[in-house]
Amino acid sequence: MASESEKKQFLGNYLYQFVLRKVNVEALAGRITGMILDGQTIDYILYLCQNKKEFFNIVDEANLLIKKAE
């Protein structure tokens, strides 16, 4: 069975593609994907995989946070 970090890596690779399509900048997509994965449970990440509206809301929030910090 895969470890939690291996599962997060797999899910991160999956989610990254959707984040990239939304923000259209590779470096930004990587940062946002990392923010989504950081500190979240596998169950919550799986929930985001199933609920695209909630997922894209979180992507938008993370994007705003990054822009405010710059």
C-alpha atoms as a PDB file:
ATOM      1  CA  MET A   1       0.000   0.000   0.000  1.00  0.00           C
ATOM      2  CA  ALA A   2       1.232   3.497  -0.839  1.00  0.00           C
ATOM      3  CA  SER A   3       2.268   5.920   1.890  1.00  0.00           C
ATOM      4  CA  GLU A   4       0.379   9.150   2.496  1.00  0.00           C
ATOM      5  CA  SER A   5       3.110  11.186   0.792  1.00  0.00           C
ATOM      6  CA  GLU A   6       2.985   8.886  -2.265  1.00  0.00           C
ATOM      7  CA  LYS A   7      -0.794   9.271  -2.419  1.00  0.00           C
ATOM      8  CA  LYS A   8      -0.484  13.057  -2.179  1.00  0.00           C
ATOM      9  CA  GLN A   9       2.135  13.026  -4.930  1.00  0.00           C
ATOM     10  CA  PHE A  10      -0.189  11.040  -7.191  1.00  0.00           C
ATOM     11  CA  LEU A  11      -3.164  13.299  -6.437  1.00  0.00           C
ATOM     12  CA  GLY A  12      -1.001  16.385  -6.861  1.00  0.00           C
ATOM     13  CA  ASN A  13       0.044  15.251 -10.327  1.00  0.00           C
ATOM     14  CA  TYR A  14      -3.619  14.709 -11.178  1.00  0.00           C
ATOM     15  CA  LEU A  15      -4.809  18.059  -9.789  1.00  0.00           C
ATOM     16  CA  TYR A  16      -1.899  20.000 -11.282  1.00  0.00           C
ATOM     17  CA  GLN A  17      -3.299  19.501 -14.798  1.00  0.00           C
ATOM     18  CA  PHE A  18      -6.598  21.119 -13.805  1.00  0.00           C
ATOM     19  CA  VAL A  19      -4.886  23.970 -11.971  1.00  0.00           C
ATOM     20  CA  LEU A  20      -2.658  24.604 -14.992  1.00  0.00           C
ATOM     21  CA  ARG A  21      -5.663  24.821 -17.307  1.00  0.00           C
ATOM     22  CA  LYS A  22      -7.253  27.354 -14.949  1.00  0.00           C
ATOM     23  CA  VAL A  23      -4.264  29.659 -14.336  1.00  0.00           C
ATOM     24  CA  ASN A  24      -2.268  28.995 -17.527  1.00  0.00           C
ATOM     25  CA  VAL A  25       1.132  29.568 -15.859  1.00  0.00           C
ATOM     26  CA  GLU A  26       3.230  26.512 -14.939  1.00  0.00           C
ATOM     27  CA  ALA A  27       5.055  28.055 -11.965  1.00  0.00           C
ATOM     28  CA  LEU A  28       1.824  29.428 -10.540  1.00  0.00           C
ATOM     29  CA  ALA A  29       0.054  26.099 -11.075  1.00  0.00           C
ATOM     30  CA  GLY A  30       2.794  24.343  -9.130  1.00  0.00           C
ATOM     31  CA  ARG A  31       2.527  26.783  -6.227  1.00  0.00           C
ATOM     32  CA  ILE A  32      -1.255  26.512  -6.082  1.00  0.00           C
ATOM     33  CA  THR A  33      -1.174  22.725  -6.270  1.00  0.00           C
ATOM     34  CA  GLY A  34       1.331  22.700  -3.421  1.00  0.00           C
ATOM     35  CA  MET A  35      -0.896  24.982  -1.375  1.00  0.00           C
ATOM     36  CA  ILE A  36      -3.859  22.666  -1.913  1.00  0.00           C
ATOM     37  CA  LEU A  37      -1.901  19.581  -0.880  1.00  0.00           C
ATOM     38  CA  ASP A  38      -0.099  21.139   2.078  1.00  0.00           C
ATOM     39  CA  GLY A  39      -1.710  20.236   5.363  1.00  0.00           C
ATOM     40  CA  GLN A  40      -4.759  18.600   3.797  1.00  0.00           C
ATOM     41  CA  THR A  41      -5.931  15.068   4.399  1.00  0.00           C
ATOM     42  CA  ILE A  42      -6.141  12.532   1.603  1.00  0.00           C
ATOM     43  CA  ASP A  43      -9.915  12.406   2.138  1.00  0.00           C
ATOM     44  CA  TYR A  44     -10.273  16.157   1.594  1.00  0.00           C
ATOM     45  CA  ILE A  45      -8.104  16.052  -1.528  1.00  0.00           C
ATOM     46  CA  LEU A  46     -10.237  13.210  -2.877  1.00  0.00           C
ATOM     47  CA  TYR A  47     -13.326  15.293  -2.104  1.00  0.00           C
ATOM     48  CA  LEU A  48     -11.864  18.113  -4.215  1.00  0.00           C
ATOM     49  CA  CYS A  49     -11.260  15.651  -7.051  1.00  0.00           C
ATOM     50  CA  GLN A  50     -14.968  14.844  -7.015  1.00  0.00           C
ATOM     51  CA  ASN A  51     -16.292  18.374  -6.482  1.00  0.00           C
ATOM     52  CA  LYS A  52     -14.889  20.530  -9.280  1.00  0.00           C
ATOM     53  CA  LYS A  53     -16.796  23.654  -8.223  1.00  0.00           C
ATOM     54  CA  GLU A  54     -15.238  23.581  -4.751  1.00  0.00           C
ATOM     55  CA  PHE A  55     -11.844  22.714  -6.257  1.00  0.00           C
ATOM     56  CA  PHE A  56     -11.894  25.727  -8.587  1.00  0.00           C
ATOM     57  CA  ASN A  57     -13.072  27.980  -5.739  1.00  0.00           C
ATOM     58  CA  ILE A  58      -9.981  26.952  -3.782  1.00  0.00           C
ATOM     59  CA  VAL A  59      -7.779  27.484  -6.851  1.00  0.00           C
ATOM     60  CA  ASP A  60      -9.185  31.011  -7.208  1.00  0.00           C
ATOM     61  CA  GLU A  61      -8.627  31.737  -3.503  1.00  0.00           C
ATOM     62  CA  ALA A  62      -5.031  30.486  -3.645  1.00  0.00           C
ATOM     63  CA  ASN A  63      -4.399  32.540  -6.782  1.00  0.00           C
ATOM     64  CA  LEU A  64      -5.680  35.674  -5.018  1.00  0.00           C
ATOM     65  CA  LEU A  65      -3.503  34.993  -1.975  1.00  0.00           C
ATOM     66  CA  ILE A  66      -0.423  34.650  -4.155  1.00  0.00           C
ATOM     67  CA  LYS A  67      -1.202  37.859  -6.059  1.00  0.00           C
ATOM     68  CA  LYS A  68      -1.756  39.786  -2.823  1.00  0.00           C
ATOM     69  CA  ALA A  69       1.582  38.535  -1.461  1.00  0.00           C
ATOM     70  CA  GLU A  70       3.524  39.679  -4.538  1.00  0.00           C
END
